[in-house]
Amino acid sequence: MSQVTDRPEPAQRGGVRRAHMTISRIDPWSALKVSFLLSVGVGFMIVISAIIVWNVFDTMNVFASIRDLLETLGSEPLLELMQYLEFGRVVSFSIIIAIIDIVLLTILGGIFALLYNLIAMMVGGVHITITDE
């Protein structure tokens, strides 16, 4: 005896599924948050890279060689400029640059979101295709 059941067979995948979408608006507040976090990351990289580059130059005796050259030349005004290449001043300057970076990139992220929204109202936004393989 054979028993017949009415189970449907699993659907066969017919290929790649695609969805067409349009990015018609970017929320300015979320753009500000994302650009702030990204710019904080860039700010940290600026400070850390300044510290690493200064340590590499110090290990290679670049600053000592410059000081010796300026003493040999007898250039007192240029020797006074060497105080700006001290570790503390370089780190302070890189922190100032990082803070300026954070402020500017955060503001630019919000402005770009607003500009995108204005342009998207005129042309309809960016059309994207998402595939599911």
Protein backbone atom coordinates (compact mmCIF):
# COMPACT_ATOMS: atom_id res chain seq x y z
CA MET A 1 0.00 0.00 0.00
CA SER A 2 1.22 3.37 -0.84
CA GLN A 3 0.21 6.49 0.92
CA VAL A 4 -0.10 9.77 -1.00
CA THR A 5 0.33 13.03 0.83
CA ASP A 6 -0.54 16.49 -0.39
CA ARG A 7 2.65 18.31 0.52
CA PRO A 8 3.67 21.13 -1.73
CA GLU A 9 7.18 20.93 -3.06
CA PRO A 10 9.58 23.63 -1.91
CA ALA A 11 9.72 26.54 -4.30
CA GLN A 12 12.68 26.52 -6.60
CA ARG A 13 14.76 29.64 -6.67
CA GLY A 14 14.51 31.11 -10.10
CA GLY A 15 17.72 33.12 -9.95
CA VAL A 16 18.86 36.30 -8.36
CA ARG A 17 16.19 38.46 -6.74
CA ARG A 18 16.54 42.17 -7.30
CA ALA A 19 14.92 45.10 -5.59
CA HIS A 20 15.03 48.58 -7.04
CA MET A 21 15.05 51.34 -4.44
CA THR A 22 15.47 55.08 -4.35
CA ILE A 23 17.24 57.09 -1.67
CA SER A 24 15.00 60.13 -1.73
CA ARG A 25 15.89 61.75 1.61
CA ILE A 26 18.67 61.72 4.18
CA ASP A 27 17.78 62.71 7.73
CA PRO A 28 20.07 65.67 8.61
CA TRP A 29 20.21 64.67 12.30
CA SER A 30 21.45 61.16 11.49
CA ALA A 31 23.92 62.62 8.99
CA LEU A 32 25.23 64.92 11.75
CA LYS A 33 25.63 62.00 14.16
CA VAL A 34 27.44 59.82 11.63
CA SER A 35 29.71 62.62 10.43
CA PHE A 36 30.52 63.52 14.05
CA LEU A 37 31.55 59.95 14.89
CA LEU A 38 33.59 59.62 11.70
CA SER A 39 35.34 62.93 12.31
CA VAL A 40 36.17 61.92 15.90
CA GLY A 41 37.82 58.81 14.46
CA VAL A 42 39.78 60.93 11.98
CA GLY A 43 40.74 63.28 14.83
CA PHE A 44 42.15 60.39 16.84
CA MET A 45 44.10 59.24 13.80
CA ILE A 46 45.56 62.73 13.34
CA VAL A 47 46.81 62.88 16.94
CA ILE A 48 48.14 59.32 16.96
CA SER A 49 49.89 59.75 13.61
CA ALA A 50 51.51 63.01 14.79
CA ILE A 51 52.83 61.20 17.87
CA ILE A 52 54.15 58.30 15.78
CA VAL A 53 55.81 60.55 13.18
CA TRP A 54 57.42 62.69 15.91
CA ASN A 55 58.77 59.57 17.65
CA VAL A 56 60.13 58.19 14.38
CA PHE A 57 61.88 61.48 13.60
CA ASP A 58 63.25 61.65 17.14
CA THR A 59 64.53 58.07 16.93
CA MET A 60 66.24 58.88 13.63
CA ASN A 61 67.85 61.96 15.26
CA VAL A 62 66.32 64.29 12.68
CA PHE A 63 65.71 67.05 15.23
CA ALA A 64 69.25 66.78 16.62
CA SER A 65 70.68 67.00 13.10
CA ILE A 66 68.62 70.10 12.34
CA ARG A 67 69.71 71.70 15.62
CA ASP A 68 73.38 70.91 14.88
CA LEU A 69 73.06 72.38 11.39
CA LEU A 70 71.47 75.58 12.71
CA GLU A 71 74.15 75.91 15.40
CA THR A 72 76.84 75.47 12.74
CA LEU A 73 75.22 78.17 10.61
CA GLY A 74 74.95 80.41 13.67
CA SER A 75 71.33 81.21 12.94
CA GLU A 76 69.87 82.30 16.27
CA PRO A 77 66.33 83.18 14.98
CA LEU A 78 65.98 79.77 13.34
CA LEU A 79 67.27 78.07 16.48
CA GLU A 80 64.40 79.69 18.38
CA LEU A 81 61.98 78.05 15.94
CA MET A 82 63.23 74.63 17.06
CA GLN A 83 61.24 75.02 20.28
CA TYR A 84 58.08 74.56 18.20
CA LEU A 85 59.23 71.07 17.25
CA GLU A 86 59.15 69.82 20.84
CA PHE A 87 56.90 66.86 21.58
CA GLY A 88 54.39 68.74 23.73
CA ARG A 89 53.89 71.48 21.18
CA VAL A 90 53.49 69.04 18.31
CA VAL A 91 50.87 67.06 20.22
CA SER A 92 49.05 70.25 21.25
CA PHE A 93 49.01 71.46 17.65
CA SER A 94 47.70 68.10 16.42
CA ILE A 95 44.92 68.19 19.05
CA ILE A 96 43.92 71.67 17.88
CA ILE A 97 43.85 70.44 14.28
CA ALA A 98 41.75 67.42 15.36
CA ILE A 99 39.21 69.65 17.13
CA ILE A 100 38.93 71.89 14.07
CA ASP A 101 38.52 68.74 11.96
CA ILE A 102 35.70 67.46 14.18
CA VAL A 103 33.80 70.74 14.04
CA LEU A 104 34.21 71.28 10.29
CA LEU A 105 33.45 67.72 9.20
CA THR A 106 30.38 67.55 11.43
CA ILE A 107 29.01 70.78 9.98
CA LEU A 108 29.84 69.67 6.44
CA GLY A 109 28.03 66.36 6.99
CA GLY A 110 24.85 68.21 7.94
CA ILE A 111 25.18 70.66 5.06
CA PHE A 112 25.74 67.84 2.56
CA ALA A 113 22.61 66.05 3.85
CA LEU A 114 20.54 69.22 3.39
CA LEU A 115 22.00 69.78 -0.09
CA TYR A 116 21.26 66.18 -1.03
CA ASN A 117 17.66 66.58 0.13
CA LEU A 118 17.25 69.72 -1.98
CA ILE A 119 18.72 68.08 -5.05
CA ALA A 120 16.74 64.87 -4.50
CA MET A 121 13.51 66.88 -4.46
CA MET A 122 14.38 68.13 -7.95
CA VAL A 123 15.70 64.94 -9.58
CA GLY A 124 14.11 62.21 -7.47
CA GLY A 125 17.12 60.90 -5.56
CA VAL A 126 19.61 58.14 -6.20
CA HIS A 127 18.25 54.91 -7.67
CA ILE A 128 19.93 51.74 -6.39
CA THR A 129 19.46 48.05 -7.12
CA ILE A 130 19.86 45.52 -4.32
CA THR A 131 20.42 41.86 -5.23
CA ASP A 132 19.84 38.77 -3.12
CA GLU A 133 21.97 35.88 -4.26
